[in-house]
Protein backbone atom coordinates (compact mmCIF):
# COMPACT_ATOMS: atom_id res chain seq x y z
CA UNK A 1 92.68 62.92 131.09
CA UNK A 2 95.25 63.38 128.35
CA UNK A 3 97.28 66.49 127.49
CA UNK A 4 95.07 67.59 124.57
CA UNK A 5 91.94 68.04 126.72
CA UNK A 6 93.56 69.74 129.69
CA UNK A 7 92.59 73.42 129.72
CA UNK A 8 95.52 75.79 129.87
CA UNK A 9 95.15 79.05 131.76
CA UNK A 10 96.89 82.03 130.23
CA UNK A 11 99.42 83.89 132.29
CA UNK A 12 98.55 87.40 133.55
CA UNK A 13 100.10 89.19 130.56
CA UNK A 14 98.31 87.02 128.01
CA UNK A 15 95.01 87.38 129.89
CA UNK A 16 95.35 91.18 129.86
CA UNK A 17 96.12 91.15 126.13
CA UNK A 18 93.07 88.97 125.43
CA UNK A 19 90.85 91.25 127.53
CA UNK A 20 92.08 94.32 125.61
CA UNK A 21 91.44 92.55 122.32
CA UNK A 22 87.86 91.75 123.35
CA UNK A 23 87.28 95.32 124.54
CA UNK A 24 88.43 96.76 121.20
CA UNK A 25 87.23 94.31 118.53
CA UNK A 26 87.22 96.84 115.70
CA UNK A 27 90.72 98.19 116.21
CA UNK A 28 92.38 95.63 113.98
CA UNK A 29 89.71 96.11 111.31
CA UNK A 30 90.07 99.89 111.32
CA UNK A 31 93.81 99.91 110.76
CA UNK A 32 93.84 98.34 107.31
CA UNK A 33 91.95 98.86 104.08
CA UNK A 34 89.12 96.70 102.87
CA UNK A 35 88.87 95.12 99.46
CA UNK A 36 86.68 97.97 98.24
CA UNK A 37 89.51 100.45 98.72
CA UNK A 38 92.09 98.07 97.29
CA UNK A 39 90.06 97.36 94.15
CA UNK A 40 89.25 101.05 93.75
CA UNK A 41 92.94 101.91 93.91
CA UNK A 42 93.79 99.28 91.32
CA UNK A 43 90.95 100.43 89.08
CA UNK A 44 91.97 104.06 89.35
CA UNK A 45 95.51 103.12 88.36
CA UNK A 46 94.25 101.11 85.39
CA UNK A 47 91.92 103.85 84.16
CA UNK A 48 94.48 106.63 84.50
CA UNK A 49 97.37 104.71 82.92
CA UNK A 50 95.27 103.55 79.96
CA UNK A 51 93.80 107.03 79.69
CA UNK A 52 97.20 108.66 79.33
CA UNK A 53 98.05 106.32 76.46
CA UNK A 54 94.62 106.81 74.83
CA UNK A 55 94.93 110.58 75.06
CA UNK A 56 98.39 110.48 73.52
CA UNK A 57 97.27 108.33 70.59
CA UNK A 58 94.19 110.53 70.11
CA UNK A 59 96.46 113.57 69.82
CA UNK A 60 98.63 111.80 67.25
CA UNK A 61 95.72 110.98 64.96
CA UNK A 62 95.04 114.02 62.83
CA UNK A 63 91.28 113.58 62.49
CA UNK A 64 90.36 112.61 66.05
CA UNK A 65 89.71 114.46 69.24
CA UNK A 66 90.91 113.56 72.72
CA UNK A 67 87.47 114.42 74.12
CA UNK A 68 86.10 110.89 73.76
CA UNK A 69 89.09 109.24 75.48
CA UNK A 70 89.15 111.90 78.19
CA UNK A 71 85.42 111.67 78.79
CA UNK A 72 85.40 107.91 79.28
CA UNK A 73 88.49 108.11 81.44
CA UNK A 74 86.74 110.70 83.62
CA UNK A 75 83.57 108.64 83.85
CA UNK A 76 85.46 105.50 84.93
CA UNK A 77 87.60 107.46 87.37
CA UNK A 78 84.42 108.83 88.93
CA UNK A 79 82.90 105.34 89.08
CA UNK A 80 85.91 103.98 90.98
CA UNK A 81 85.98 106.86 93.45
CA UNK A 82 82.20 106.71 93.94
CA UNK A 83 82.48 102.94 94.51
CA UNK A 84 85.10 103.57 97.17
CA UNK A 85 83.09 106.27 98.92
CA UNK A 86 79.80 104.35 98.78
CA UNK A 87 80.99 100.90 99.85
CA UNK A 88 83.58 101.87 102.44
CA UNK A 89 81.58 101.79 105.64
CA UNK A 90 84.19 101.64 108.38
CA UNK A 91 86.03 104.58 109.83
CA UNK A 92 89.61 103.68 109.13
CA UNK A 93 91.88 105.52 111.52
CA UNK A 94 95.25 104.46 110.16
CA UNK A 95 94.08 103.90 106.62
CA UNK A 96 92.69 107.41 106.10
CA UNK A 97 96.20 108.87 106.34
CA UNK A 98 97.61 106.19 104.04
CA UNK A 99 94.75 106.76 101.57
CA UNK A 100 95.65 110.46 101.47
CA UNK A 101 99.27 109.51 100.74
CA UNK A 102 98.19 107.09 97.99
CA UNK A 103 95.93 109.71 96.41
CA UNK A 104 98.75 112.25 96.68
CA UNK A 105 101.13 109.95 94.82
CA UNK A 106 98.51 109.18 92.18
CA UNK A 107 97.52 112.84 91.86
CA UNK A 108 101.12 114.02 91.48
CA UNK A 109 101.84 111.43 88.80
CA UNK A 110 98.57 112.14 87.02
CA UNK A 111 99.20 115.90 87.10
CA UNK A 112 102.74 115.42 85.80
CA UNK A 113 101.54 113.09 83.04
CA UNK A 114 98.80 115.41 81.82
CA UNK A 115 100.78 118.63 82.17
CA UNK A 116 104.05 117.41 80.69
CA UNK A 117 102.37 115.53 77.85
CA UNK A 118 100.49 118.68 76.87
CA UNK A 119 103.37 121.13 77.02
CA UNK A 120 106.76 119.44 76.85
CA UNK A 121 106.28 115.90 75.50
CA UNK A 122 103.39 116.44 73.07
CA UNK A 123 102.70 113.29 71.10
CA UNK A 124 105.63 111.40 72.62
CA UNK A 125 104.42 107.82 73.01
CA UNK A 126 107.47 106.81 75.06
CA UNK A 127 106.58 109.46 77.67
CA UNK A 128 102.96 108.30 77.79
CA UNK A 129 104.19 104.73 78.27
CA UNK A 130 106.56 105.79 81.02
CA UNK A 131 103.88 107.72 82.89
CA UNK A 132 101.37 104.89 82.43
CA UNK A 133 103.93 102.46 83.85
CA UNK A 134 104.59 104.75 86.83
CA UNK A 135 100.86 105.14 87.50
CA UNK A 136 100.39 101.37 87.27
CA UNK A 137 103.39 100.62 89.46
CA UNK A 138 102.47 103.12 92.17
CA UNK A 139 98.79 102.21 92.48
CA UNK A 140 99.52 98.47 92.32
CA UNK A 141 102.26 98.72 94.95
CA UNK A 142 99.96 100.69 97.27
CA UNK A 143 97.09 98.24 96.76
CA UNK A 144 99.33 95.21 97.35
CA UNK A 145 100.71 96.84 100.47
CA UNK A 146 97.19 97.28 101.82
CA UNK A 147 96.16 93.77 100.82
CA UNK A 148 99.11 92.36 102.74
CA UNK A 149 98.29 94.24 105.96
């Protein structure tokens, strides 16, 4: 018998670790996000960043309304969140807290973008670009972090 076919018995520590892993097969799955959540986060970032720019340009045009841009942005935002809620089937213990943090970051940036662009930076394209870049950067960084877990 050669060395490649000789069975190797694990030591006591490794055997215990393997037994724990078998007893809790879903624990590693529950701690990270699935691709549904990752794609929803990326989509939400894309919709909100493009929406901020579309709303700003709609305000700059004298004969247009921001209702059309805002409506489509809202519809696509709803589609991404509904996609996440419908297709996410696992109870994610560690991810649920991280998801709340990600949504908090996105929500704070979105609130700042909408509020400040309506009251302080009305029609300022540079501000819309900055906020769109921050929304894109934050949602992409969060999604890449989850994809790498």
